[in-house]
Amino acid sequence: KRKDTRMRAALTIQKQVAIALWKLATPDSYRSVTNQFGVGKSTVGVAVMQVANAIIDLLLSKVVTLGNVQVIIDGFAAMGFPNCGGAIDGTHIPILGPDHQGSQYINRKGYFSMVLQ
C-alpha cells in the first residue's frame, strides 16, 4: 500500500479500481486514461497491475477448470459432436440504442442489446 507524501496523496483503492477497469474495458491509450483520471502514465500502469494481482490473489482459487479434457471430448462425441471440448453460451446485454445503424442492435425480443459470450 502506498502512503501519502508531502508531494501527493496516495490513490484510494476505489480510484485504482476505477482506473484499472477503465483501462481494461476501453481501447483508450494510457495517455487518455491519465487525462481522464488526472494521474501519471506510470500510475495507470501500477494501478492496472495492482488490481490484476489482487483479482488473481482473491479469485484464482474460485476459477472453474475444465477437468479431464479427454473425458469431456468423449462425452461430446457420444452426443454426436466429435472433436468438441466445450460449448459457449451467450446473453443479451441491454444497451441504449445508437444514433446510427440502430436496427442492427435490436434483438429478437425487440430491444437494443449486444451479445456477450
PDB file of N, CA and C in Angstrom:
ATOM      1  N   LYS A   1       0.844  -1.180   0.000  1.00  0.00           N
ATOM      2  CA  LYS A   1       0.000   0.000   0.000  1.00  0.00           C
ATOM      3  C   LYS A   1       0.879   1.229   0.000  1.00  0.00           C
ATOM      4  N   ARG A   2       0.566   2.134  -0.902  1.00  0.00           N
ATOM      5  CA  ARG A   2       1.313   3.383  -0.973  1.00  0.00           C
ATOM      6  C   ARG A   2       0.815   4.334   0.099  1.00  0.00           C
ATOM      7  N   LYS A   3       1.682   5.256   0.492  1.00  0.00           N
ATOM      8  CA  LYS A   3       1.344   6.197   1.558  1.00  0.00           C
ATOM      9  C   LYS A   3       1.355   7.618   1.020  1.00  0.00           C
ATOM     10  N   ASP A   4       0.646   8.496   1.725  1.00  0.00           N
ATOM     11  CA  ASP A   4       0.674   9.918   1.397  1.00  0.00           C
ATOM     12  C   ASP A   4       2.084  10.456   1.619  1.00  0.00           C
ATOM     13  N   THR A   5       2.479  11.389   0.760  1.00  0.00           N
ATOM     14  CA  THR A   5       3.752  12.088   0.944  1.00  0.00           C
ATOM     15  C   THR A   5       3.463  13.584   0.944  1.00  0.00           C
ATOM     16  N   ARG A   6       4.509  14.388   1.156  1.00  0.00           N
ATOM     17  CA  ARG A   6       4.321  15.839   1.095  1.00  0.00           C
ATOM     18  C   ARG A   6       3.962  16.293  -0.316  1.00  0.00           C
ATOM     19  N   MET A   7       4.349  15.514  -1.310  1.00  0.00           N
ATOM     20  CA  MET A   7       4.134  15.904  -2.704  1.00  0.00           C
ATOM     21  C   MET A   7       2.771  15.472  -3.261  1.00  0.00           C
ATOM     22  N   ARG A   8       2.232  14.371  -2.738  1.00  0.00           N
ATOM     23  CA  ARG A   8       0.970  13.877  -3.285  1.00  0.00           C
ATOM     24  C   ARG A   8       0.288  12.942  -2.295  1.00  0.00           C
ATOM     25  N   ALA A   9      -1.027  12.835  -2.479  1.00  0.00           N
ATOM     26  CA  ALA A   9      -1.803  11.894  -1.669  1.00  0.00           C
ATOM     27  C   ALA A   9      -1.851  10.559  -2.404  1.00  0.00           C
ATOM     28  N   ALA A  10      -1.817   9.476  -1.663  1.00  0.00           N
ATOM     29  CA  ALA A  10      -1.905   8.144  -2.264  1.00  0.00           C
ATOM     30  C   ALA A  10      -3.282   7.957  -2.900  1.00  0.00           C
ATOM     31  N   LEU A  11      -3.323   7.177  -3.970  1.00  0.00           N
ATOM     32  CA  LEU A  11      -4.606   6.887  -4.611  1.00  0.00           C
ATOM     33  C   LEU A  11      -5.441   5.984  -3.720  1.00  0.00           C
ATOM     34  N   THR A  12      -6.740   6.249  -3.686  1.00  0.00           N
ATOM     35  CA  THR A  12      -7.638   5.366  -2.943  1.00  0.00           C
ATOM     36  C   THR A  12      -7.796   4.061  -3.720  1.00  0.00           C
ATOM     37  N   ILE A  13      -8.210   3.032  -3.021  1.00  0.00           N
ATOM     38  CA  ILE A  13      -8.486   1.744  -3.672  1.00  0.00           C
ATOM     39  C   ILE A  13      -9.557   1.934  -4.745  1.00  0.00           C
ATOM     40  N   GLN A  14     -10.572   2.725  -4.427  1.00  0.00           N
ATOM     41  CA  GLN A  14     -11.663   2.953  -5.370  1.00  0.00           C
ATOM     42  C   GLN A  14     -11.145   3.571  -6.670  1.00  0.00           C
ATOM     43  N   LYS A  15     -10.235   4.544  -6.550  1.00  0.00           N
ATOM     44  CA  LYS A  15      -9.708   5.188  -7.751  1.00  0.00           C
ATOM     45  C   LYS A  15      -8.806   4.230  -8.525  1.00  0.00           C
ATOM     46  N   GLN A  16      -8.029   3.421  -7.827  1.00  0.00           N
ATOM     47  CA  GLN A  16      -7.187   2.437  -8.510  1.00  0.00           C
ATOM     48  C   GLN A  16      -8.044   1.444  -9.298  1.00  0.00           C
ATOM     49  N   VAL A  17      -9.120   0.974  -8.679  1.00  0.00           N
ATOM     50  CA  VAL A  17     -10.011   0.030  -9.361  1.00  0.00           C
ATOM     51  C   VAL A  17     -10.680   0.712 -10.553  1.00  0.00           C
ATOM     52  N   ALA A  18     -11.111   1.955 -10.372  1.00  0.00           N
ATOM     53  CA  ALA A  18     -11.740   2.690 -11.473  1.00  0.00           C
ATOM     54  C   ALA A  18     -10.774   2.854 -12.643  1.00  0.00           C
ATOM     55  N   ILE A  19      -9.535   3.214 -12.348  1.00  0.00           N
ATOM     56  CA  ILE A  19      -8.519   3.369 -13.396  1.00  0.00           C
ATOM     57  C   ILE A  19      -8.306   2.043 -14.121  1.00  0.00           C
ATOM     58  N   ALA A  20      -8.146   0.973 -13.358  1.00  0.00           N
ATOM     59  CA  ALA A  20      -7.895  -0.341 -13.961  1.00  0.00           C
ATOM     60  C   ALA A  20      -9.076  -0.789 -14.817  1.00  0.00           C
ATOM     61  N   LEU A  21     -10.280  -0.654 -14.292  1.00  0.00           N
ATOM     62  CA  LEU A  21     -11.455  -1.066 -15.060  1.00  0.00           C
ATOM     63  C   LEU A  21     -11.598  -0.243 -16.332  1.00  0.00           C
ATOM     64  N   TRP A  22     -11.343   1.061 -16.225  1.00  0.00           N
ATOM     65  CA  TRP A  22     -11.437   1.925 -17.403  1.00  0.00           C
ATOM     66  C   TRP A  22     -10.424   1.485 -18.462  1.00  0.00           C
ATOM     67  N   LYS A  23      -9.193   1.252 -18.031  1.00  0.00           N
ATOM     68  CA  LYS A  23      -8.138   0.868 -18.977  1.00  0.00           C
ATOM     69  C   LYS A  23      -8.441  -0.479 -19.613  1.00  0.00           C
ATOM     70  N   LEU A  24      -8.925  -1.424 -18.824  1.00  0.00           N
ATOM     71  CA  LEU A  24      -9.189  -2.765 -19.339  1.00  0.00           C
ATOM     72  C   LEU A  24     -10.460  -2.842 -20.182  1.00  0.00           C
ATOM     73  N   ALA A  25     -11.411  -1.945 -19.925  1.00  0.00           N
ATOM     74  CA  ALA A  25     -12.703  -2.016 -20.605  1.00  0.00           C
ATOM     75  C   ALA A  25     -12.791  -1.147 -21.851  1.00  0.00           C
ATOM     76  N   THR A  26     -11.811  -0.281 -22.072  1.00  0.00           N
ATOM     77  CA  THR A  26     -11.862   0.615 -23.226  1.00  0.00           C
ATOM     78  C   THR A  26     -10.595   0.459 -24.057  1.00  0.00           C
ATOM     79  N   PRO A  27     -10.663   0.905 -25.291  1.00  0.00           N
ATOM     80  CA  PRO A  27      -9.448   0.875 -26.115  1.00  0.00           C
ATOM     81  C   PRO A  27      -8.569   2.104 -25.903  1.00  0.00           C
ATOM     82  N   ASP A  28      -8.863   2.882 -24.862  1.00  0.00           N
ATOM     83  CA  ASP A  28      -8.125   4.124 -24.616  1.00  0.00           C
ATOM     84  C   ASP A  28      -6.644   3.858 -24.371  1.00  0.00           C
ATOM     85  N   SER A  29      -5.822   4.796 -24.807  1.00  0.00           N
ATOM     86  CA  SER A  29      -4.385   4.726 -24.552  1.00  0.00           C
ATOM     87  C   SER A  29      -4.113   5.091 -23.093  1.00  0.00           C
ATOM     88  N   TYR A  30      -2.899   4.797 -22.644  1.00  0.00           N
ATOM     89  CA  TYR A  30      -2.526   5.192 -21.287  1.00  0.00           C
ATOM     90  C   TYR A  30      -2.621   6.705 -21.140  1.00  0.00           C
ATOM     91  N   ARG A  31      -2.214   7.432 -22.163  1.00  0.00           N
ATOM     92  CA  ARG A  31      -2.272   8.898 -22.105  1.00  0.00           C
ATOM     93  C   ARG A  31      -3.705   9.383 -21.919  1.00  0.00           C
ATOM     94  N   SER A  32      -4.645   8.769 -22.625  1.00  0.00           N
ATOM     95  CA  SER A  32      -6.048   9.147 -22.492  1.00  0.00           C
ATOM     96  C   SER A  32      -6.560   8.865 -21.078  1.00  0.00           C
ATOM     97  N   VAL A  33      -6.162   7.723 -20.525  1.00  0.00           N
ATOM     98  CA  VAL A  33      -6.590   7.373 -19.164  1.00  0.00           C
ATOM     99  C   VAL A  33      -5.983   8.342 -18.153  1.00  0.00           C
ATOM    100  N   THR A  34      -4.733   8.747 -18.373  1.00  0.00           N
ATOM    101  CA  THR A  34      -4.119   9.716 -17.453  1.00  0.00           C
ATOM    102  C   THR A  34      -4.896  11.018 -17.456  1.00  0.00           C
ATOM    103  N   ASN A  35      -5.344  11.457 -18.627  1.00  0.00           N
ATOM    104  CA  ASN A  35      -6.145  12.682 -18.701  1.00  0.00           C
ATOM    105  C   ASN A  35      -7.503  12.505 -18.040  1.00  0.00           C
ATOM    106  N   GLN A  36      -8.088  11.338 -18.197  1.00  0.00           N
ATOM    107  CA  GLN A  36      -9.409  11.060 -17.625  1.00  0.00           C
ATOM    108  C   GLN A  36      -9.381  11.107 -16.093  1.00  0.00           C
ATOM    109  N   PHE A  37      -8.294  10.607 -15.495  1.00  0.00           N
ATOM    110  CA  PHE A  37      -8.242  10.474 -14.040  1.00  0.00           C
ATOM    111  C   PHE A  37      -7.269  11.435 -13.365  1.00  0.00           C
ATOM    112  N   GLY A  38      -6.537  12.211 -14.143  1.00  0.00           N
ATOM    113  CA  GLY A  38      -5.632  13.193 -13.556  1.00  0.00           C
ATOM    114  C   GLY A  38      -4.446  12.579 -12.832  1.00  0.00           C
ATOM    115  N   VAL A  39      -3.904  11.515 -13.395  1.00  0.00           N
ATOM    116  CA  VAL A  39      -2.739  10.847 -12.808  1.00  0.00           C
ATOM    117  C   VAL A  39      -1.691  10.657 -13.900  1.00  0.00           C
ATOM    118  N   GLY A  40      -0.488  10.234 -13.517  1.00  0.00           N
ATOM    119  CA  GLY A  40       0.576   9.991 -14.476  1.00  0.00           C
ATOM    120  C   GLY A  40       0.448   8.644 -15.163  1.00  0.00           C
ATOM    121  N   LYS A  41       1.180   8.498 -16.274  1.00  0.00           N
ATOM    122  CA  LYS A  41       1.124   7.266 -17.054  1.00  0.00           C
ATOM    123  C   LYS A  41       1.598   6.066 -16.236  1.00  0.00           C
ATOM    124  N   SER A  42       2.665   6.231 -15.484  1.00  0.00           N
ATOM    125  CA  SER A  42       3.161   5.106 -14.687  1.00  0.00           C
ATOM    126  C   SER A  42       2.167   4.732 -13.592  1.00  0.00           C
ATOM    127  N   THR A  43       1.423   5.725 -13.094  1.00  0.00           N
ATOM    128  CA  THR A  43       0.402   5.451 -12.075  1.00  0.00           C
ATOM    129  C   THR A  43      -0.691   4.566 -12.648  1.00  0.00           C
ATOM    130  N   VAL A  44      -1.068   4.810 -13.896  1.00  0.00           N
ATOM    131  CA  VAL A  44      -2.073   3.962 -14.545  1.00  0.00           C
ATOM    132  C   VAL A  44      -1.554   2.529 -14.641  1.00  0.00           C
ATOM    133  N   GLY A  45      -0.313   2.368 -15.076  1.00  0.00           N
ATOM    134  CA  GLY A  45       0.269   1.032 -15.188  1.00  0.00           C
ATOM    135  C   GLY A  45       0.327   0.312 -13.860  1.00  0.00           C
ATOM    136  N   VAL A  46       0.728   1.032 -12.816  1.00  0.00           N
ATOM    137  CA  VAL A  46       0.808   0.438 -11.478  1.00  0.00           C
ATOM    138  C   VAL A  46      -0.587   0.047 -10.994  1.00  0.00           C
ATOM    139  N   ALA A  47      -1.574   0.915 -11.206  1.00  0.00           N
ATOM    140  CA  ALA A  47      -2.939   0.623 -10.759  1.00  0.00           C
ATOM    141  C   ALA A  47      -3.481  -0.617 -11.461  1.00  0.00           C
ATOM    142  N   VAL A  48      -3.267  -0.715 -12.764  1.00  0.00           N
ATOM    143  CA  VAL A  48      -3.754  -1.880 -13.515  1.00  0.00           C
ATOM    144  C   VAL A  48      -3.108  -3.159 -12.981  1.00  0.00           C
ATOM    145  N   MET A  49      -1.805  -3.132 -12.761  1.00  0.00           N
ATOM    146  CA  MET A  49      -1.108  -4.324 -12.264  1.00  0.00           C
ATOM    147  C   MET A  49      -1.548  -4.686 -10.848  1.00  0.00           C
ATOM    148  N   GLN A  50      -1.705  -3.682  -9.972  1.00  0.00           N
ATOM    149  CA  GLN A  50      -2.111  -3.980  -8.595  1.00  0.00           C
ATOM    150  C   GLN A  50      -3.516  -4.566  -8.547  1.00  0.00           C
ATOM    151  N   VAL A  51      -4.421  -4.016  -9.336  1.00  0.00           N
ATOM    152  CA  VAL A  51      -5.786  -4.545  -9.356  1.00  0.00           C
ATOM    153  C   VAL A  51      -5.794  -5.953  -9.954  1.00  0.00           C
ATOM    154  N   ALA A  52      -5.055  -6.167 -11.031  1.00  0.00           N
ATOM    155  CA  ALA A  52      -4.984  -7.504 -11.636  1.00  0.00           C
ATOM    156  C   ALA A  52      -4.415  -8.518 -10.646  1.00  0.00           C
ATOM    157  N   ASN A  53      -3.362  -8.136  -9.939  1.00  0.00           N
ATOM    158  CA  ASN A  53      -2.776  -9.048  -8.945  1.00  0.00           C
ATOM    159  C   ASN A  53      -3.731  -9.317  -7.795  1.00  0.00           C
ATOM    160  N   ALA A  54      -4.488  -8.303  -7.373  1.00  0.00           N
ATOM    161  CA  ALA A  54      -5.472  -8.501  -6.302  1.00  0.00           C
ATOM    162  C   ALA A  54      -6.566  -9.467  -6.755  1.00  0.00           C
ATOM    163  N   ILE A  55      -7.010  -9.322  -7.995  1.00  0.00           N
ATOM    164  CA  ILE A  55      -8.026 -10.231  -8.530  1.00  0.00           C
ATOM    165  C   ILE A  55      -7.488 -11.660  -8.561  1.00  0.00           C
ATOM    166  N   ILE A  56      -6.251 -11.815  -8.996  1.00  0.00           N
ATOM    167  CA  ILE A  56      -5.634 -13.147  -9.022  1.00  0.00           C
ATOM    168  C   ILE A  56      -5.552 -13.720  -7.612  1.00  0.00           C
ATOM    169  N   ASP A  57      -5.076 -12.916  -6.655  1.00  0.00           N
ATOM    170  CA  ASP A  57      -4.930 -13.393  -5.276  1.00  0.00           C
ATOM    171  C   ASP A  57      -6.266 -13.785  -4.664  1.00  0.00           C
ATOM    172  N   LEU A  58      -7.318 -13.004  -4.945  1.00  0.00           N
ATOM    173  CA  LEU A  58      -8.612 -13.238  -4.308  1.00  0.00           C
ATOM    174  C   LEU A  58      -9.482 -14.256  -5.040  1.00  0.00           C
ATOM    175  N   LEU A  59      -9.378 -14.314  -6.363  1.00  0.00           N
ATOM    176  CA  LEU A  59     -10.352 -15.089  -7.123  1.00  0.00           C
ATOM    177  C   LEU A  59      -9.808 -16.297  -7.874  1.00  0.00           C
ATOM    178  N   LEU A  60      -8.495 -16.408  -8.017  1.00  0.00           N
ATOM    179  CA  LEU A  60      -7.953 -17.504  -8.818  1.00  0.00           C
ATOM    180  C   LEU A  60      -8.381 -18.869  -8.286  1.00  0.00           C
ATOM    181  N   SER A  61      -8.482 -18.996  -6.979  1.00  0.00           N
ATOM    182  CA  SER A  61      -8.879 -20.284  -6.401  1.00  0.00           C
ATOM    183  C   SER A  61     -10.340 -20.618  -6.698  1.00  0.00           C
ATOM    184  N   LYS A  62     -11.121 -19.634  -7.144  1.00  0.00           N
ATOM    185  CA  LYS A  62     -12.532 -19.855  -7.435  1.00  0.00           C
ATOM    186  C   LYS A  62     -12.799 -20.096  -8.919  1.00  0.00           C
ATOM    187  N   VAL A  63     -11.747 -20.090  -9.745  1.00  0.00           N
ATOM    188  CA  VAL A  63     -11.900 -20.298 -11.182  1.00  0.00           C
ATOM    189  C   VAL A  63     -12.289 -21.746 -11.445  1.00  0.00           C
ATOM    190  N   VAL A  64     -13.281 -21.931 -12.281  1.00  0.00           N
ATOM    191  CA  VAL A  64     -13.720 -23.268 -12.652  1.00  0.00           C
ATOM    192  C   VAL A  64     -12.809 -23.771 -13.767  1.00  0.00           C
ATOM    193  N   THR A  65     -12.274 -24.948 -13.577  1.00  0.00           N
ATOM    194  CA  THR A  65     -11.404 -25.531 -14.598  1.00  0.00           C
ATOM    195  C   THR A  65     -12.171 -26.577 -15.402  1.00  0.00           C
ATOM    196  N   LEU A  66     -11.617 -26.948 -16.523  1.00  0.00           N
ATOM    197  CA  LEU A  66     -12.276 -27.896 -17.412  1.00  0.00           C
ATOM    198  C   LEU A  66     -12.377 -29.300 -16.845  1.00  0.00           C
ATOM    199  N   GLY A  67     -11.419 -29.701 -16.089  1.00  0.00           N
ATOM    200  CA  GLY A  67     -11.386 -31.087 -15.653  1.00  0.00           C
ATOM    201  C   GLY A  67     -10.618 -31.909 -16.671  1.00  0.00           C
ATOM    202  N   ASN A  68     -10.950 -33.163 -16.788  1.00  0.00           N
ATOM    203  CA  ASN A  68     -10.270 -34.056 -17.721  1.00  0.00           C
ATOM    204  C   ASN A  68     -10.792 -33.790 -19.133  1.00  0.00           C
ATOM    205  N   VAL A  69      -9.960 -33.178 -19.954  1.00  0.00           N
ATOM    206  CA  VAL A  69     -10.368 -32.758 -21.291  1.00  0.00           C
ATOM    207  C   VAL A  69     -10.789 -33.944 -22.149  1.00  0.00           C
ATOM    208  N   GLN A  70     -10.088 -35.059 -22.052  1.00  0.00           N
ATOM    209  CA  GLN A  70     -10.431 -36.218 -22.886  1.00  0.00           C
ATOM    210  C   GLN A  70     -11.808 -36.760 -22.526  1.00  0.00           C
ATOM    211  N   VAL A  71     -12.160 -36.773 -21.249  1.00  0.00           N
ATOM    212  CA  VAL A  71     -13.493 -37.230 -20.829  1.00  0.00           C
ATOM    213  C   VAL A  71     -14.562 -36.306 -21.411  1.00  0.00           C
ATOM    214  N   ILE A  72     -14.295 -35.006 -21.402  1.00  0.00           N
ATOM    215  CA  ILE A  72     -15.244 -34.035 -21.954  1.00  0.00           C
ATOM    216  C   ILE A  72     -15.401 -34.242 -23.462  1.00  0.00           C
ATOM    217  N   ILE A  73     -14.284 -34.399 -24.169  1.00  0.00           N
ATOM    218  CA  ILE A  73     -14.321 -34.619 -25.621  1.00  0.00           C
ATOM    219  C   ILE A  73     -15.084 -35.901 -25.943  1.00  0.00           C
ATOM    220  N   ASP A  74     -14.831 -36.958 -25.178  1.00  0.00           N
ATOM    221  CA  ASP A  74     -15.538 -38.226 -25.392  1.00  0.00           C
ATOM    222  C   ASP A  74     -17.039 -38.066 -25.149  1.00  0.00           C
ATOM    223  N   GLY A  75     -17.408 -37.283 -24.136  1.00  0.00           N
ATOM    224  CA  GLY A  75     -18.825 -37.045 -23.847  1.00  0.00           C
ATOM    225  C   GLY A  75     -19.527 -36.308 -24.978  1.00  0.00           C
ATOM    226  N   PHE A  76     -18.876 -35.282 -25.519  1.00  0.00           N
ATOM    227  CA  PHE A  76     -19.458 -34.572 -26.656  1.00  0.00           C
ATOM    228  C   PHE A  76     -19.546 -35.480 -27.879  1.00  0.00           C
ATOM    229  N   ALA A  77     -18.521 -36.296 -28.097  1.00  0.00           N
ATOM    230  CA  ALA A  77     -18.529 -37.217 -29.238  1.00  0.00           C
ATOM    231  C   ALA A  77     -19.684 -38.207 -29.116  1.00  0.00           C
ATOM    232  N   ALA A  78     -19.957 -38.671 -27.906  1.00  0.00           N
ATOM    233  CA  ALA A  78     -21.057 -39.610 -27.685  1.00  0.00           C
ATOM    234  C   ALA A  78     -22.411 -38.972 -27.999  1.00  0.00           C
ATOM    235  N   MET A  79     -22.491 -37.648 -27.905  1.00  0.00           N
ATOM    236  CA  MET A  79     -23.740 -36.936 -28.207  1.00  0.00           C
ATOM    237  C   MET A  79     -23.795 -36.460 -29.661  1.00  0.00           C
ATOM    238  N   GLY A  80     -22.793 -36.874 -30.460  1.00  0.00           N
ATOM    239  CA  GLY A  80     -22.802 -36.508 -31.870  1.00  0.00           C
ATOM    240  C   GLY A  80     -22.021 -35.259 -32.215  1.00  0.00           C
ATOM    241  N   PHE A  81     -21.164 -34.805 -31.310  1.00  0.00           N
ATOM    242  CA  PHE A  81     -20.333 -33.625 -31.558  1.00  0.00           C
ATOM    243  C   PHE A  81     -18.859 -34.018 -31.458  1.00  0.00           C
ATOM    244  N   PRO A  82     -18.321 -34.633 -32.518  1.00  0.00           N
ATOM    245  CA  PRO A  82     -16.921 -35.066 -32.460  1.00  0.00           C
ATOM    246  C   PRO A  82     -15.961 -33.878 -32.411  1.00  0.00           C
ATOM    247  N   ASN A  83     -14.817 -34.095 -31.781  1.00  0.00           N
ATOM    248  CA  ASN A  83     -13.747 -33.092 -31.698  1.00  0.00           C
ATOM    249  C   ASN A  83     -14.188 -31.799 -31.018  1.00  0.00           C
ATOM    250  N   CYS A  84     -15.122 -31.898 -30.092  1.00  0.00           N
ATOM    251  CA  CYS A  84     -15.616 -30.724 -29.365  1.00  0.00           C
ATOM    252  C   CYS A  84     -15.191 -30.846 -27.906  1.00  0.00           C
ATOM    253  N   GLY A  85     -14.584 -29.793 -27.386  1.00  0.00           N
ATOM    254  CA  GLY A  85     -14.131 -29.814 -25.997  1.00  0.00           C
ATOM    255  C   GLY A  85     -14.915 -28.892 -25.094  1.00  0.00           C
ATOM    256  N   GLY A  86     -15.993 -28.290 -25.601  1.00  0.00           N
ATOM    257  CA  GLY A  86     -16.791 -27.394 -24.782  1.00  0.00           C
ATOM    258  C   GLY A  86     -17.784 -26.634 -25.633  1.00  0.00           C
ATOM    259  N   ALA A  87     -18.634 -25.884 -24.972  1.00  0.00           N
ATOM    260  CA  ALA A  87     -19.645 -25.078 -25.654  1.00  0.00           C
ATOM    261  C   ALA A  87     -19.749 -23.728 -24.950  1.00  0.00           C
ATOM    262  N   ILE A  88     -20.030 -22.705 -25.727  1.00  0.00           N
ATOM    263  CA  ILE A  88     -20.141 -21.352 -25.183  1.00  0.00           C
ATOM    264  C   ILE A  88     -21.581 -20.888 -25.318  1.00  0.00           C
ATOM    265  N   ASP A  89     -22.093 -20.297 -24.270  1.00  0.00           N
ATOM    266  CA  ASP A  89     -23.424 -19.713 -24.295  1.00  0.00           C
ATOM    267  C   ASP A  89     -23.267 -18.201 -24.390  1.00  0.00           C
ATOM    268  N   GLY A  90     -24.316 -17.525 -24.671  1.00  0.00           N
ATOM    269  CA  GLY A  90     -24.277 -16.067 -24.739  1.00  0.00           C
ATOM    270  C   GLY A  90     -25.499 -15.475 -24.072  1.00  0.00           C
ATOM    271  N   THR A  91     -25.448 -14.192 -23.839  1.00  0.00           N
ATOM    272  CA  THR A  91     -26.585 -13.492 -23.259  1.00  0.00           C
ATOM    273  C   THR A  91     -26.663 -12.101 -23.857  1.00  0.00           C
ATOM    274  N   HIS A  92     -27.867 -11.564 -23.934  1.00  0.00           N
ATOM    275  CA  HIS A  92     -28.056 -10.213 -24.451  1.00  0.00           C
ATOM    276  C   HIS A  92     -27.958  -9.211 -23.306  1.00  0.00           C
ATOM    277  N   ILE A  93     -27.084  -8.219 -23.476  1.00  0.00           N
ATOM    278  CA  ILE A  93     -26.923  -7.148 -22.501  1.00  0.00           C
ATOM    279  C   ILE A  93     -27.653  -5.930 -23.047  1.00  0.00           C
ATOM    280  N   PRO A  94     -28.668  -5.420 -22.340  1.00  0.00           N
ATOM    281  CA  PRO A  94     -29.387  -4.236 -22.837  1.00  0.00           C
ATOM    282  C   PRO A  94     -28.455  -3.031 -22.952  1.00  0.00           C
ATOM    283  N   ILE A  95     -28.609  -2.266 -24.028  1.00  0.00           N
ATOM    284  CA  ILE A  95     -27.830  -1.044 -24.243  1.00  0.00           C
ATOM    285  C   ILE A  95     -28.769   0.067 -24.679  1.00  0.00           C
ATOM    286  N   LEU A  96     -28.286   1.305 -24.615  1.00  0.00           N
ATOM    287  CA  LEU A  96     -29.022   2.415 -25.202  1.00  0.00           C
ATOM    288  C   LEU A  96     -28.847   2.328 -26.711  1.00  0.00           C
ATOM    289  N   GLY A  97     -29.904   2.580 -27.442  1.00  0.00           N
ATOM    290  CA  GLY A  97     -29.825   2.483 -28.893  1.00  0.00           C
ATOM    291  C   GLY A  97     -28.888   3.516 -29.479  1.00  0.00           C
ATOM    292  N   PRO A  98     -27.996   3.100 -30.378  1.00  0.00           N
ATOM    293  CA  PRO A  98     -27.080   4.052 -31.003  1.00  0.00           C
ATOM    294  C   PRO A  98     -27.825   4.970 -31.973  1.00  0.00           C
ATOM    295  N   ASP A  99     -27.240   6.142 -32.231  1.00  0.00           N
ATOM    296  CA  ASP A  99     -27.858   7.121 -33.125  1.00  0.00           C
ATOM    297  C   ASP A  99     -27.891   6.640 -34.573  1.00  0.00           C
ATOM    298  N   HIS A 100     -26.899   5.863 -34.963  1.00  0.00           N
ATOM    299  CA  HIS A 100     -26.845   5.379 -36.341  1.00  0.00           C
ATOM    300  C   HIS A 100     -26.845   3.849 -36.349  1.00  0.00           C
ATOM    301  N   GLN A 101     -27.413   3.281 -37.360  1.00  0.00           N
ATOM    302  CA  GLN A 101     -27.492   1.832 -37.538  1.00  0.00           C
ATOM    303  C   GLN A 101     -28.119   1.130 -36.332  1.00  0.00           C
ATOM    304  N   GLY A 102     -29.103   1.784 -35.726  1.00  0.00           N
ATOM    305  CA  GLY A 102     -29.752   1.228 -34.544  1.00  0.00           C
ATOM    306  C   GLY A 102     -30.438  -0.094 -34.790  1.00  0.00           C
ATOM    307  N   SER A 103     -30.950  -0.289 -36.004  1.00  0.00           N
ATOM    308  CA  SER A 103     -31.672  -1.531 -36.289  1.00  0.00           C
ATOM    309  C   SER A 103     -30.770  -2.758 -36.170  1.00  0.00           C
ATOM    310  N   GLN A 104     -29.458  -2.574 -36.303  1.00  0.00           N
ATOM    311  CA  GLN A 104     -28.532  -3.700 -36.180  1.00  0.00           C
ATOM    312  C   GLN A 104     -28.381  -4.166 -34.734  1.00  0.00           C
ATOM    313  N   TYR A 105     -28.870  -3.371 -33.784  1.00  0.00           N
ATOM    314  CA  TYR A 105     -28.721  -3.702 -32.372  1.00  0.00           C
ATOM    315  C   TYR A 105     -30.036  -4.140 -31.722  1.00  0.00           C
ATOM    316  N   ILE A 106     -31.096  -4.264 -32.508  1.00  0.00           N
ATOM    317  CA  ILE A 106     -32.375  -4.703 -31.951  1.00  0.00           C
ATOM    318  C   ILE A 106     -32.416  -6.226 -31.999  1.00  0.00           C
ATOM    319  N   ASN A 107     -32.658  -6.841 -30.844  1.00  0.00           N
ATOM    320  CA  ASN A 107     -32.674  -8.308 -30.792  1.00  0.00           C
ATOM    321  C   ASN A 107     -34.066  -8.846 -31.120  1.00  0.00           C
ATOM    322  N   ARG A 108     -34.213 -10.146 -31.075  1.00  0.00           N
ATOM    323  CA  ARG A 108     -35.483 -10.776 -31.459  1.00  0.00           C
ATOM    324  C   ARG A 108     -36.633 -10.423 -30.524  1.00  0.00           C
ATOM    325  N   LYS A 109     -36.307  -9.942 -29.320  1.00  0.00           N
ATOM    326  CA  LYS A 109     -37.357  -9.554 -28.378  1.00  0.00           C
ATOM    327  C   LYS A 109     -37.728  -8.081 -28.508  1.00  0.00           C
ATOM    328  N   GLY A 110     -37.036  -7.367 -29.417  1.00  0.00           N
ATOM    329  CA  GLY A 110     -37.428  -6.003 -29.732  1.00  0.00           C
ATOM    330  C   GLY A 110     -36.737  -4.899 -28.959  1.00  0.00           C
ATOM    331  N   TYR A 111     -35.678  -5.205 -28.198  1.00  0.00           N
ATOM    332  CA  TYR A 111     -34.960  -4.130 -27.507  1.00  0.00           C
ATOM    333  C   TYR A 111     -33.494  -4.117 -27.934  1.00  0.00           C
ATOM    334  N   PHE A 112     -32.845  -2.954 -27.720  1.00  0.00           N
ATOM    335  CA  PHE A 112     -31.445  -2.804 -28.093  1.00  0.00           C
ATOM    336  C   PHE A 112     -30.569  -3.629 -27.156  1.00  0.00           C
ATOM    337  N   SER A 113     -29.644  -4.381 -27.741  1.00  0.00           N
ATOM    338  CA  SER A 113     -28.747  -5.179 -26.909  1.00  0.00           C
ATOM    339  C   SER A 113     -27.492  -5.533 -27.695  1.00  0.00           C
ATOM    340  N   MET A 114     -26.487  -6.010 -26.939  1.00  0.00           N
ATOM    341  CA  MET A 114     -25.277  -6.590 -27.525  1.00  0.00           C
ATOM    342  C   MET A 114     -25.130  -7.982 -26.933  1.00  0.00           C
ATOM    343  N   VAL A 115     -24.590  -8.894 -27.712  1.00  0.00           N
ATOM    344  CA  VAL A 115     -24.411 -10.265 -27.239  1.00  0.00           C
ATOM    345  C   VAL A 115     -23.087 -10.370 -26.502  1.00  0.00           C
ATOM    346  N   LEU A 116     -23.128 -10.941 -25.312  1.00  0.00           N
ATOM    347  CA  LEU A 116     -21.935 -11.189 -24.510  1.00  0.00           C
ATOM    348  C   LEU A 116     -21.724 -12.690 -24.447  1.00  0.00           C
ATOM    349  N   GLN A 117     -20.510 -13.143 -24.799  1.00  0.00           N
ATOM    350  CA  GLN A 117     -20.213 -14.573 -24.731  1.00  0.00           C
ATOM    351  C   GLN A 117     -19.143 -14.813 -23.715  1.00  0.00           C
TER     352      GLN A 117
END
